[in-house]
N, C-alpha and C. Protein backbone atom coordinates (compact mmCIF):
# COMPACT_ATOMS: atom_id res chain seq x y z
N MET A 1 -26.49 87.50 -93.81
CA MET A 1 -26.50 88.84 -94.34
C MET A 1 -25.04 89.24 -94.59
N ILE A 2 -24.81 89.92 -95.68
CA ILE A 2 -23.49 90.43 -96.02
C ILE A 2 -23.57 91.94 -96.18
N GLU A 3 -22.68 92.63 -95.52
CA GLU A 3 -22.62 94.10 -95.60
C GLU A 3 -21.29 94.49 -96.24
N ILE A 4 -21.35 95.29 -97.29
CA ILE A 4 -20.15 95.73 -98.00
C ILE A 4 -20.07 97.25 -97.90
N SER A 5 -18.90 97.74 -97.50
CA SER A 5 -18.71 99.19 -97.42
C SER A 5 -17.28 99.52 -97.84
N TYR A 6 -17.06 100.79 -98.09
CA TYR A 6 -15.72 101.23 -98.48
C TYR A 6 -15.48 102.64 -97.97
N THR A 7 -14.19 102.94 -97.81
CA THR A 7 -13.74 104.27 -97.42
C THR A 7 -12.59 104.63 -98.34
N ILE A 8 -12.63 105.83 -98.90
CA ILE A 8 -11.57 106.30 -99.78
C ILE A 8 -10.91 107.51 -99.13
N THR A 9 -9.59 107.45 -98.98
CA THR A 9 -8.82 108.59 -98.48
C THR A 9 -7.69 108.85 -99.46
N ASN A 10 -6.87 109.85 -99.17
CA ASN A 10 -5.71 110.12 -100.02
C ASN A 10 -4.67 109.02 -99.92
N LYS A 11 -4.68 108.26 -98.82
CA LYS A 11 -3.66 107.25 -98.57
C LYS A 11 -4.07 105.83 -98.99
N ASN A 12 -5.37 105.52 -98.92
CA ASN A 12 -5.78 104.17 -99.30
C ASN A 12 -7.27 104.08 -99.58
N ILE A 13 -7.64 102.93 -100.10
CA ILE A 13 -9.03 102.56 -100.30
C ILE A 13 -9.25 101.33 -99.43
N LEU A 14 -10.20 101.37 -98.53
CA LEU A 14 -10.47 100.27 -97.63
C LEU A 14 -11.84 99.69 -97.95
N LEU A 15 -11.85 98.45 -98.40
CA LEU A 15 -13.08 97.72 -98.67
C LEU A 15 -13.32 96.78 -97.50
N THR A 16 -14.53 96.81 -96.95
CA THR A 16 -14.89 95.98 -95.81
C THR A 16 -16.06 95.09 -96.20
N ILE A 17 -15.91 93.79 -95.96
CA ILE A 17 -16.98 92.84 -96.23
C ILE A 17 -17.27 92.09 -94.94
N LYS A 18 -18.48 92.26 -94.43
CA LYS A 18 -18.86 91.73 -93.13
C LYS A 18 -20.04 90.78 -93.28
N ASP A 19 -19.97 89.64 -92.59
CA ASP A 19 -21.13 88.73 -92.59
C ASP A 19 -21.57 88.48 -91.15
N ASN A 20 -22.74 87.90 -91.01
CA ASN A 20 -23.26 87.58 -89.69
C ASN A 20 -23.33 86.06 -89.51
N GLY A 21 -22.34 85.36 -90.08
CA GLY A 21 -22.30 83.91 -90.00
C GLY A 21 -21.80 83.41 -88.66
N ASN A 22 -21.26 82.20 -88.66
CA ASN A 22 -20.81 81.55 -87.43
C ASN A 22 -19.44 82.01 -86.97
N GLY A 23 -18.70 82.73 -87.80
CA GLY A 23 -17.34 83.08 -87.46
C GLY A 23 -16.39 81.95 -87.87
N ILE A 24 -15.11 82.20 -87.79
CA ILE A 24 -14.10 81.22 -88.19
C ILE A 24 -13.50 80.61 -86.93
N PRO A 25 -13.60 79.28 -86.79
CA PRO A 25 -13.02 78.64 -85.60
C PRO A 25 -11.53 78.91 -85.50
N GLU A 26 -11.04 78.99 -84.27
CA GLU A 26 -9.65 79.34 -84.03
C GLU A 26 -8.67 78.42 -84.75
N ASN A 27 -8.97 77.13 -84.82
CA ASN A 27 -8.04 76.18 -85.44
C ASN A 27 -7.95 76.35 -86.96
N LEU A 28 -8.82 77.13 -87.57
CA LEU A 28 -8.79 77.35 -89.02
C LEU A 28 -8.26 78.73 -89.40
N ARG A 29 -8.13 79.61 -88.46
CA ARG A 29 -7.78 81.01 -88.76
C ARG A 29 -6.42 81.17 -89.44
N GLU A 30 -5.43 80.39 -89.05
CA GLU A 30 -4.11 80.50 -89.66
C GLU A 30 -4.08 79.95 -91.08
N LYS A 31 -5.03 79.10 -91.43
CA LYS A 31 -5.04 78.44 -92.74
C LYS A 31 -5.90 79.17 -93.77
N ILE A 32 -6.65 80.16 -93.35
CA ILE A 32 -7.69 80.74 -94.20
C ILE A 32 -7.17 81.29 -95.53
N PHE A 33 -5.93 81.78 -95.57
CA PHE A 33 -5.38 82.33 -96.81
C PHE A 33 -4.45 81.37 -97.53
N GLU A 34 -4.34 80.13 -97.06
CA GLU A 34 -3.46 79.15 -97.71
C GLU A 34 -4.11 78.61 -98.98
N PRO A 35 -3.30 78.43 -100.04
CA PRO A 35 -3.84 77.82 -101.27
C PRO A 35 -4.36 76.41 -100.98
N ASN A 36 -5.44 76.06 -101.65
CA ASN A 36 -6.09 74.75 -101.56
C ASN A 36 -6.79 74.50 -100.24
N PHE A 37 -6.92 75.50 -99.38
CA PHE A 37 -7.66 75.31 -98.14
C PHE A 37 -9.13 75.62 -98.38
N THR A 38 -9.99 74.70 -98.01
CA THR A 38 -11.42 74.91 -98.11
C THR A 38 -12.13 74.10 -97.04
N THR A 39 -13.27 74.58 -96.61
CA THR A 39 -14.11 73.82 -95.70
C THR A 39 -15.32 73.28 -96.45
N LYS A 40 -15.38 73.53 -97.75
CA LYS A 40 -16.49 73.09 -98.58
C LYS A 40 -16.23 71.70 -99.16
N SER A 41 -17.27 71.06 -99.63
CA SER A 41 -17.11 69.73 -100.24
C SER A 41 -16.68 69.83 -101.70
N SER A 42 -16.77 71.02 -102.29
CA SER A 42 -16.31 71.21 -103.67
C SER A 42 -15.58 72.54 -103.74
N GLY A 43 -14.90 72.75 -104.85
CA GLY A 43 -14.12 73.98 -105.03
C GLY A 43 -12.65 73.71 -104.82
N THR A 44 -11.84 74.69 -105.20
CA THR A 44 -10.39 74.50 -105.17
C THR A 44 -9.74 75.11 -103.94
N GLY A 45 -10.43 76.00 -103.25
CA GLY A 45 -9.82 76.65 -102.10
C GLY A 45 -8.77 77.68 -102.48
N LEU A 46 -8.87 78.20 -103.69
CA LEU A 46 -7.88 79.17 -104.16
C LEU A 46 -8.33 80.62 -104.04
N GLY A 47 -9.61 80.84 -103.80
CA GLY A 47 -10.16 82.19 -103.82
C GLY A 47 -9.46 83.18 -102.92
N LEU A 48 -9.46 82.94 -101.60
CA LEU A 48 -8.85 83.89 -100.68
C LEU A 48 -7.34 83.98 -100.85
N ALA A 49 -6.70 82.87 -101.18
CA ALA A 49 -5.24 82.90 -101.42
C ALA A 49 -4.94 83.78 -102.63
N PHE A 50 -5.73 83.65 -103.69
CA PHE A 50 -5.54 84.46 -104.89
C PHE A 50 -5.79 85.94 -104.60
N VAL A 51 -6.86 86.23 -103.90
CA VAL A 51 -7.20 87.62 -103.58
C VAL A 51 -6.09 88.25 -102.73
N LYS A 52 -5.64 87.55 -101.69
CA LYS A 52 -4.59 88.09 -100.82
C LYS A 52 -3.31 88.34 -101.60
N ASN A 53 -2.91 87.39 -102.42
CA ASN A 53 -1.70 87.53 -103.23
C ASN A 53 -1.82 88.72 -104.18
N SER A 54 -2.95 88.85 -104.84
CA SER A 54 -3.16 89.94 -105.80
C SER A 54 -3.11 91.30 -105.12
N ILE A 55 -3.77 91.42 -104.00
CA ILE A 55 -3.81 92.71 -103.29
C ILE A 55 -2.43 93.06 -102.74
N GLU A 56 -1.73 92.08 -102.18
CA GLU A 56 -0.39 92.36 -101.66
C GLU A 56 0.58 92.72 -102.78
N ASN A 57 0.44 92.09 -103.96
CA ASN A 57 1.28 92.45 -105.11
C ASN A 57 1.02 93.87 -105.59
N ALA A 58 -0.17 94.38 -105.31
CA ALA A 58 -0.51 95.76 -105.68
C ALA A 58 -0.15 96.75 -104.57
N GLY A 59 0.52 96.27 -103.51
CA GLY A 59 0.93 97.15 -102.42
C GLY A 59 -0.09 97.28 -101.31
N GLY A 60 -1.09 96.41 -101.31
CA GLY A 60 -2.14 96.49 -100.30
C GLY A 60 -2.00 95.45 -99.21
N LYS A 61 -3.02 95.37 -98.38
CA LYS A 61 -3.05 94.43 -97.26
C LYS A 61 -4.43 93.80 -97.17
N VAL A 62 -4.46 92.56 -96.63
CA VAL A 62 -5.71 91.85 -96.40
C VAL A 62 -5.65 91.27 -94.99
N TRP A 63 -6.74 91.41 -94.24
CA TRP A 63 -6.82 90.78 -92.92
C TRP A 63 -8.29 90.59 -92.57
N PHE A 64 -8.53 89.90 -91.47
CA PHE A 64 -9.90 89.69 -91.04
C PHE A 64 -9.99 89.69 -89.53
N GLU A 65 -11.20 89.95 -89.06
CA GLU A 65 -11.54 89.83 -87.65
C GLU A 65 -12.76 88.92 -87.59
N THR A 66 -12.79 88.05 -86.60
CA THR A 66 -13.90 87.11 -86.51
C THR A 66 -14.28 86.87 -85.06
N ARG A 67 -15.56 86.62 -84.83
CA ARG A 67 -16.07 86.27 -83.51
C ARG A 67 -17.03 85.10 -83.69
N LEU A 68 -16.74 84.02 -83.00
CA LEU A 68 -17.61 82.86 -83.09
C LEU A 68 -19.03 83.23 -82.68
N GLY A 69 -19.98 82.81 -83.49
CA GLY A 69 -21.38 83.11 -83.22
C GLY A 69 -21.84 84.48 -83.66
N HIS A 70 -20.91 85.31 -84.17
CA HIS A 70 -21.26 86.68 -84.57
C HIS A 70 -20.92 87.00 -86.01
N GLY A 71 -19.91 86.35 -86.57
CA GLY A 71 -19.55 86.62 -87.96
C GLY A 71 -18.11 87.03 -88.14
N THR A 72 -17.79 87.35 -89.39
CA THR A 72 -16.43 87.68 -89.79
C THR A 72 -16.44 88.94 -90.65
N THR A 73 -15.41 89.75 -90.49
CA THR A 73 -15.22 90.92 -91.32
C THR A 73 -13.86 90.82 -91.99
N PHE A 74 -13.86 90.90 -93.33
CA PHE A 74 -12.61 90.93 -94.09
C PHE A 74 -12.35 92.37 -94.50
N TYR A 75 -11.07 92.75 -94.43
CA TYR A 75 -10.64 94.09 -94.80
C TYR A 75 -9.64 93.98 -95.95
N PHE A 76 -9.85 94.81 -96.96
CA PHE A 76 -8.97 94.85 -98.14
C PHE A 76 -8.54 96.30 -98.31
N SER A 77 -7.26 96.57 -98.05
CA SER A 77 -6.73 97.93 -98.15
C SER A 77 -5.82 98.01 -99.36
N LEU A 78 -6.07 98.99 -100.21
CA LEU A 78 -5.29 99.19 -101.42
C LEU A 78 -4.81 100.63 -101.51
N PRO A 79 -3.59 100.83 -102.02
CA PRO A 79 -3.17 102.21 -102.27
C PRO A 79 -3.97 102.77 -103.46
N PRO A 80 -4.17 104.08 -103.49
CA PRO A 80 -4.89 104.65 -104.63
C PRO A 80 -4.06 104.52 -105.92
N ALA A 81 -4.74 104.46 -107.03
CA ALA A 81 -4.06 104.35 -108.32
C ALA A 81 -3.24 105.61 -108.59
N GLN A 82 -2.07 105.41 -109.17
CA GLN A 82 -1.21 106.52 -109.56
C GLN A 82 -1.52 106.85 -111.02
N VAL A 83 -1.97 108.07 -111.27
CA VAL A 83 -2.35 108.46 -112.63
C VAL A 83 -1.29 109.34 -113.24
């Protein structure tokens, strides 16, 4: 199951994506945002690296919390658009 939510304030927009999967093993946590890192048999492993780079270039932050056997939550914080 995947749960997606967001919060909008004057200071930022916080997008939260939570799953109820197995969680990320400790030995993989430092590599999760590295280019070409994947645990799949196919794919390039560029997705999370690209997302993190894009959000940080826009002045935002990306991080995650994980618990083995319970799942992982990714957080994407962005500053509001300047109009």
